[in-house]
Amino acid sequence: MLFEPPIDLLVNVAGNRYAVAAIVGARAKTLINKIPTMLNGSANIAIDYAANELLRGDVVGANSK
């Protein structure tokens, strides 16, 4: 379960909860496929990493503000 960063902050960045799920999910999948050694095979680490990237503005979706 995602606690950091809070979902409300991610919604402010992405626009809505669906966009957060789509952006973070897609980015986490990319991370798992491209750099599995950094993630030690953990999907949870990939999701946390992707969520933090979204919050920082490193990754954006098509409908992001």
PDB file of N, CA and C in Angstrom:
ATOM      1  N   MET A   1       0.839  -1.174   0.000  1.00  0.00           N
ATOM      2  CA  MET A   1       0.000   0.000   0.000  1.00  0.00           C
ATOM      3  C   MET A   1       0.887   1.240   0.000  1.00  0.00           C
ATOM      4  N   LEU A   2       0.452   2.223  -0.727  1.00  0.00           N
ATOM      5  CA  LEU A   2       1.215   3.450  -0.893  1.00  0.00           C
ATOM      6  C   LEU A   2       0.889   4.440   0.225  1.00  0.00           C
ATOM      7  N   PHE A   3       1.881   4.829   0.995  1.00  0.00           N
ATOM      8  CA  PHE A   3       1.687   5.825   2.044  1.00  0.00           C
ATOM      9  C   PHE A   3       2.480   7.089   1.769  1.00  0.00           C
ATOM     10  N   GLU A   4       3.624   6.971   1.179  1.00  0.00           N
ATOM     11  CA  GLU A   4       4.476   8.112   0.862  1.00  0.00           C
ATOM     12  C   GLU A   4       4.819   8.072  -0.601  1.00  0.00           C
ATOM     13  N   PRO A   5       4.555   9.047  -1.337  1.00  0.00           N
ATOM     14  CA  PRO A   5       3.848  10.278  -0.994  1.00  0.00           C
ATOM     15  C   PRO A   5       2.336  10.037  -0.884  1.00  0.00           C
ATOM     16  N   PRO A   6       1.650  10.902  -0.130  1.00  0.00           N
ATOM     17  CA  PRO A   6       0.207  10.749   0.031  1.00  0.00           C
ATOM     18  C   PRO A   6      -0.525  10.850  -1.312  1.00  0.00           C
ATOM     19  N   ILE A   7      -1.580  10.077  -1.459  1.00  0.00           N
ATOM     20  CA  ILE A   7      -2.338  10.040  -2.708  1.00  0.00           C
ATOM     21  C   ILE A   7      -2.885  11.418  -3.069  1.00  0.00           C
ATOM     22  N   ASP A   8      -3.248  12.220  -2.074  1.00  0.00           N
ATOM     23  CA  ASP A   8      -3.798  13.551  -2.353  1.00  0.00           C
ATOM     24  C   ASP A   8      -2.793  14.437  -3.083  1.00  0.00           C
ATOM     25  N   LEU A   9      -1.529  14.336  -2.717  1.00  0.00           N
ATOM     26  CA  LEU A   9      -0.502  15.114  -3.418  1.00  0.00           C
ATOM     27  C   LEU A   9      -0.340  14.636  -4.860  1.00  0.00           C
ATOM     28  N   LEU A  10      -0.401  13.325  -5.055  1.00  0.00           N
ATOM     29  CA  LEU A  10      -0.283  12.774  -6.408  1.00  0.00           C
ATOM     30  C   LEU A  10      -1.477  13.167  -7.269  1.00  0.00           C
ATOM     31  N   VAL A  11      -2.675  13.203  -6.676  1.00  0.00           N
ATOM     32  CA  VAL A  11      -3.866  13.621  -7.420  1.00  0.00           C
ATOM     33  C   VAL A  11      -3.729  15.078  -7.847  1.00  0.00           C
ATOM     34  N   ASN A  12      -3.162  15.914  -6.995  1.00  0.00           N
ATOM     35  CA  ASN A  12      -2.942  17.313  -7.366  1.00  0.00           C
ATOM     36  C   ASN A  12      -2.015  17.431  -8.564  1.00  0.00           C
ATOM     37  N   VAL A  13      -1.047  16.549  -8.660  1.00  0.00           N
ATOM     38  CA  VAL A  13      -0.098  16.573  -9.776  1.00  0.00           C
ATOM     39  C   VAL A  13      -0.725  16.000 -11.043  1.00  0.00           C
ATOM     40  N   ALA A  14      -1.409  14.864 -10.913  1.00  0.00           N
ATOM     41  CA  ALA A  14      -1.912  14.137 -12.086  1.00  0.00           C
ATOM     42  C   ALA A  14      -3.303  14.581 -12.526  1.00  0.00           C
ATOM     43  N   GLY A  15      -4.091  15.123 -11.616  1.00  0.00           N
ATOM     44  CA  GLY A  15      -5.421  15.577 -11.982  1.00  0.00           C
ATOM     45  C   GLY A  15      -6.550  14.753 -11.396  1.00  0.00           C
ATOM     46  N   ASN A  16      -6.371  13.430 -11.325  1.00  0.00           N
ATOM     47  CA  ASN A  16      -7.396  12.570 -10.719  1.00  0.00           C
ATOM     48  C   ASN A  16      -6.768  11.233 -10.336  1.00  0.00           C
ATOM     49  N   ARG A  17      -7.518  10.446  -9.579  1.00  0.00           N
ATOM     50  CA  ARG A  17      -6.985   9.175  -9.074  1.00  0.00           C
ATOM     51  C   ARG A  17      -6.722   8.171 -10.189  1.00  0.00           C
ATOM     52  N   TYR A  18      -7.566   8.193 -11.215  1.00  0.00           N
ATOM     53  CA  TYR A  18      -7.347   7.275 -12.335  1.00  0.00           C
ATOM     54  C   TYR A  18      -6.022   7.587 -13.020  1.00  0.00           C
ATOM     55  N   ALA A  19      -5.752   8.863 -13.226  1.00  0.00           N
ATOM     56  CA  ALA A  19      -4.493   9.259 -13.868  1.00  0.00           C
ATOM     57  C   ALA A  19      -3.303   8.835 -13.020  1.00  0.00           C
ATOM     58  N   VAL A  20      -3.407   8.990 -11.702  1.00  0.00           N
ATOM     59  CA  VAL A  20      -2.329   8.555 -10.810  1.00  0.00           C
ATOM     60  C   VAL A  20      -2.071   7.065 -10.993  1.00  0.00           C
ATOM     61  N   ALA A  21      -3.134   6.269 -10.975  1.00  0.00           N
ATOM     62  CA  ALA A  21      -2.986   4.821 -11.120  1.00  0.00           C
ATOM     63  C   ALA A  21      -2.374   4.459 -12.470  1.00  0.00           C
ATOM     64  N   ALA A  22      -2.833   5.113 -13.526  1.00  0.00           N
ATOM     65  CA  ALA A  22      -2.333   4.810 -14.866  1.00  0.00           C
ATOM     66  C   ALA A  22      -0.864   5.205 -15.021  1.00  0.00           C
ATOM     67  N   ILE A  23      -0.526   6.401 -14.570  1.00  0.00           N
ATOM     68  CA  ILE A  23       0.849   6.901 -14.723  1.00  0.00           C
ATOM     69  C   ILE A  23       1.817   6.092 -13.872  1.00  0.00           C
ATOM     70  N   VAL A  24       1.482   5.919 -12.597  1.00  0.00           N
ATOM     71  CA  VAL A  24       2.368   5.189 -11.686  1.00  0.00           C
ATOM     72  C   VAL A  24       2.483   3.724 -12.111  1.00  0.00           C
ATOM     73  N   GLY A  25       1.378   3.122 -12.508  1.00  0.00           N
ATOM     74  CA  GLY A  25       1.416   1.729 -12.943  1.00  0.00           C
ATOM     75  C   GLY A  25       2.278   1.523 -14.175  1.00  0.00           C
ATOM     76  N   ALA A  26       2.115   2.400 -15.148  1.00  0.00           N
ATOM     77  CA  ALA A  26       2.912   2.288 -16.376  1.00  0.00           C
ATOM     78  C   ALA A  26       4.390   2.511 -16.097  1.00  0.00           C
ATOM     79  N   ARG A  27       4.694   3.502 -15.284  1.00  0.00           N
ATOM     80  CA  ARG A  27       6.101   3.791 -14.973  1.00  0.00           C
ATOM     81  C   ARG A  27       6.714   2.652 -14.161  1.00  0.00           C
ATOM     82  N   ALA A  28       5.968   2.107 -13.209  1.00  0.00           N
ATOM     83  CA  ALA A  28       6.478   0.997 -12.404  1.00  0.00           C
ATOM     84  C   ALA A  28       6.769  -0.215 -13.286  1.00  0.00           C
ATOM     85  N   LYS A  29       5.898  -0.485 -14.240  1.00  0.00           N
ATOM     86  CA  LYS A  29       6.122  -1.598 -15.166  1.00  0.00           C
ATOM     87  C   LYS A  29       7.394  -1.371 -15.979  1.00  0.00           C
ATOM     88  N   THR A  30       7.595  -0.145 -16.439  1.00  0.00           N
ATOM     89  CA  THR A  30       8.811   0.188 -17.179  1.00  0.00           C
ATOM     90  C   THR A  30      10.048  -0.012 -16.313  1.00  0.00           C
ATOM     91  N   LEU A  31       9.979   0.433 -15.070  1.00  0.00           N
ATOM     92  CA  LEU A  31      11.118   0.279 -14.164  1.00  0.00           C
ATOM     93  C   LEU A  31      11.434  -1.196 -13.919  1.00  0.00           C
ATOM     94  N   ILE A  32      10.411  -1.996 -13.726  1.00  0.00           N
ATOM     95  CA  ILE A  32      10.615  -3.431 -13.483  1.00  0.00           C
ATOM     96  C   ILE A  32      11.293  -4.084 -14.678  1.00  0.00           C
ATOM     97  N   ASN A  33      10.902  -3.682 -15.872  1.00  0.00           N
ATOM     98  CA  ASN A  33      11.464  -4.274 -17.090  1.00  0.00           C
ATOM     99  C   ASN A  33      12.865  -3.762 -17.421  1.00  0.00           C
ATOM    100  N   LYS A  34      13.146  -2.500 -17.097  1.00  0.00           N
ATOM    101  CA  LYS A  34      14.418  -1.900 -17.511  1.00  0.00           C
ATOM    102  C   LYS A  34      15.526  -1.999 -16.477  1.00  0.00           C
ATOM    103  N   ILE A  35      15.192  -1.905 -15.209  1.00  0.00           N
ATOM    104  CA  ILE A  35      16.242  -1.926 -14.184  1.00  0.00           C
ATOM    105  C   ILE A  35      15.873  -2.853 -13.023  1.00  0.00           C
ATOM    106  N   PRO A  36      15.700  -4.134 -13.303  1.00  0.00           N
ATOM    107  CA  PRO A  36      15.270  -5.059 -12.247  1.00  0.00           C
ATOM    108  C   PRO A  36      16.294  -5.226 -11.122  1.00  0.00           C
ATOM    109  N   THR A  37      17.571  -5.040 -11.403  1.00  0.00           N
ATOM    110  CA  THR A  37      18.572  -5.214 -10.346  1.00  0.00           C
ATOM    111  C   THR A  37      18.447  -4.138  -9.278  1.00  0.00           C
ATOM    112  N   MET A  38      18.086  -2.927  -9.662  1.00  0.00           N
ATOM    113  CA  MET A  38      17.912  -1.853  -8.693  1.00  0.00           C
ATOM    114  C   MET A  38      16.710  -2.123  -7.787  1.00  0.00           C
ATOM    115  N   LEU A  39      15.696  -2.779  -8.340  1.00  0.00           N
ATOM    116  CA  LEU A  39      14.457  -2.994  -7.599  1.00  0.00           C
ATOM    117  C   LEU A  39      14.429  -4.312  -6.831  1.00  0.00           C
ATOM    118  N   ASN A  40      15.415  -5.156  -7.033  1.00  0.00           N
ATOM    119  CA  ASN A  40      15.474  -6.462  -6.379  1.00  0.00           C
ATOM    120  C   ASN A  40      14.202  -7.273  -6.580  1.00  0.00           C
ATOM    121  N   GLY A  41      13.580  -7.117  -7.750  1.00  0.00           N
ATOM    122  CA  GLY A  41      12.384  -7.889  -8.071  1.00  0.00           C
ATOM    123  C   GLY A  41      11.140  -7.487  -7.310  1.00  0.00           C
ATOM    124  N   SER A  42      11.138  -6.350  -6.654  1.00  0.00           N
ATOM    125  CA  SER A  42       9.998  -5.940  -5.848  1.00  0.00           C
ATOM    126  C   SER A  42       9.121  -4.941  -6.594  1.00  0.00           C
ATOM    127  N   ALA A  43       7.876  -5.318  -6.813  1.00  0.00           N
ATOM    128  CA  ALA A  43       6.930  -4.409  -7.453  1.00  0.00           C
ATOM    129  C   ALA A  43       6.607  -3.241  -6.531  1.00  0.00           C
ATOM    130  N   ASN A  44       6.619  -3.470  -5.221  1.00  0.00           N
ATOM    131  CA  ASN A  44       6.321  -2.390  -4.276  1.00  0.00           C
ATOM    132  C   ASN A  44       7.360  -1.285  -4.362  1.00  0.00           C
ATOM    133  N   ILE A  45       8.613  -1.640  -4.500  1.00  0.00           N
ATOM    134  CA  ILE A  45       9.664  -0.637  -4.626  1.00  0.00           C
ATOM    135  C   ILE A  45       9.476   0.135  -5.929  1.00  0.00           C
ATOM    136  N   ALA A  46       9.105  -0.557  -6.993  1.00  0.00           N
ATOM    137  CA  ALA A  46       8.882   0.103  -8.281  1.00  0.00           C
ATOM    138  C   ALA A  46       7.732   1.097  -8.185  1.00  0.00           C
ATOM    139  N   ILE A  47       6.660   0.734  -7.487  1.00  0.00           N
ATOM    140  CA  ILE A  47       5.517   1.631  -7.329  1.00  0.00           C
ATOM    141  C   ILE A  47       5.900   2.849  -6.502  1.00  0.00           C
ATOM    142  N   ASP A  48       6.616   2.637  -5.409  1.00  0.00           N
ATOM    143  CA  ASP A  48       7.075   3.760  -4.585  1.00  0.00           C
ATOM    144  C   ASP A  48       7.966   4.696  -5.395  1.00  0.00           C
ATOM    145  N   TYR A  49       8.884   4.125  -6.145  1.00  0.00           N
ATOM    146  CA  TYR A  49       9.810   4.913  -6.950  1.00  0.00           C
ATOM    147  C   TYR A  49       9.045   5.707  -8.002  1.00  0.00           C
ATOM    148  N   ALA A  50       8.100   5.062  -8.678  1.00  0.00           N
ATOM    149  CA  ALA A  50       7.308   5.727  -9.712  1.00  0.00           C
ATOM    150  C   ALA A  50       6.444   6.837  -9.123  1.00  0.00           C
ATOM    151  N   ALA A  51       5.865   6.607  -7.953  1.00  0.00           N
ATOM    152  CA  ALA A  51       5.038   7.627  -7.305  1.00  0.00           C
ATOM    153  C   ALA A  51       5.876   8.848  -6.941  1.00  0.00           C
ATOM    154  N   ASN A  52       7.067   8.617  -6.433  1.00  0.00           N
ATOM    155  CA  ASN A  52       7.944   9.735  -6.096  1.00  0.00           C
ATOM    156  C   ASN A  52       8.394  10.492  -7.342  1.00  0.00           C
ATOM    157  N   GLU A  53       8.618   9.773  -8.444  1.00  0.00           N
ATOM    158  CA  GLU A  53       8.958  10.439  -9.703  1.00  0.00           C
ATOM    159  C   GLU A  53       7.810  11.331 -10.168  1.00  0.00           C
ATOM    160  N   LEU A  54       6.587  10.841 -10.053  1.00  0.00           N
ATOM    161  CA  LEU A  54       5.420  11.635 -10.431  1.00  0.00           C
ATOM    162  C   LEU A  54       5.327  12.886  -9.574  1.00  0.00           C
ATOM    163  N   LEU A  55       5.520  12.752  -8.290  1.00  0.00           N
ATOM    164  CA  LEU A  55       5.447  13.897  -7.389  1.00  0.00           C
ATOM    165  C   LEU A  55       6.511  14.944  -7.710  1.00  0.00           C
ATOM    166  N   ARG A  56       7.710  14.491  -8.042  1.00  0.00           N
ATOM    167  CA  ARG A  56       8.798  15.411  -8.391  1.00  0.00           C
ATOM    168  C   ARG A  56       8.616  16.043  -9.765  1.00  0.00           C
ATOM    169  N   GLY A  57       7.750  15.451 -10.586  1.00  0.00           N
ATOM    170  CA  GLY A  57       7.548  15.967 -11.932  1.00  0.00           C
ATOM    171  C   GLY A  57       8.471  15.344 -12.951  1.00  0.00           C
ATOM    172  N   ASP A  58       9.159  14.261 -12.560  1.00  0.00           N
ATOM    173  CA  ASP A  58      10.083  13.574 -13.471  1.00  0.00           C
ATOM    174  C   ASP A  58       9.347  12.767 -14.519  1.00  0.00           C
ATOM    175  N   VAL A  59       8.120  12.372 -14.237  1.00  0.00           N
ATOM    176  CA  VAL A  59       7.318  11.593 -15.180  1.00  0.00           C
ATOM    177  C   VAL A  59       5.924  12.210 -15.183  1.00  0.00           C
ATOM    178  N   VAL A  60       5.373  12.378 -16.375  1.00  0.00           N
ATOM    179  CA  VAL A  60       4.045  12.973 -16.491  1.00  0.00           C
ATOM    180  C   VAL A  60       3.203  12.138 -17.447  1.00  0.00           C
ATOM    181  N   GLY A  61       1.901  12.253 -17.312  1.00  0.00           N
ATOM    182  CA  GLY A  61       0.983  11.571 -18.213  1.00  0.00           C
ATOM    183  C   GLY A  61       0.410  12.547 -19.220  1.00  0.00           C
ATOM    184  N   ALA A  62      -0.343  12.042 -20.143  1.00  0.00           N
ATOM    185  CA  ALA A  62      -0.917  12.873 -21.189  1.00  0.00           C
ATOM    186  C   ALA A  62      -1.892  13.912 -20.638  1.00  0.00           C
ATOM    187  N   ASN A  63      -2.579  13.573 -19.539  1.00  0.00           N
ATOM    188  CA  ASN A  63      -3.577  14.488 -18.988  1.00  0.00           C
ATOM    189  C   ASN A  63      -3.097  15.200 -17.733  1.00  0.00           C
ATOM    190  N   SER A  64      -1.797  15.175 -17.467  1.00  0.00           N
ATOM    191  CA  SER A  64      -1.288  15.834 -16.264  1.00  0.00           C
ATOM    192  C   SER A  64      -1.404  17.339 -16.386  1.00  0.00           C
ATOM    193  N   LYS A  65      -1.563  17.969 -15.253  1.00  0.00           N
ATOM    194  CA  LYS A  65      -1.638  19.433 -15.219  1.00  0.00           C
ATOM    195  C   LYS A  65      -0.272  20.028 -15.466  1.00  0.00           C
TER     196      LYS A  65
END
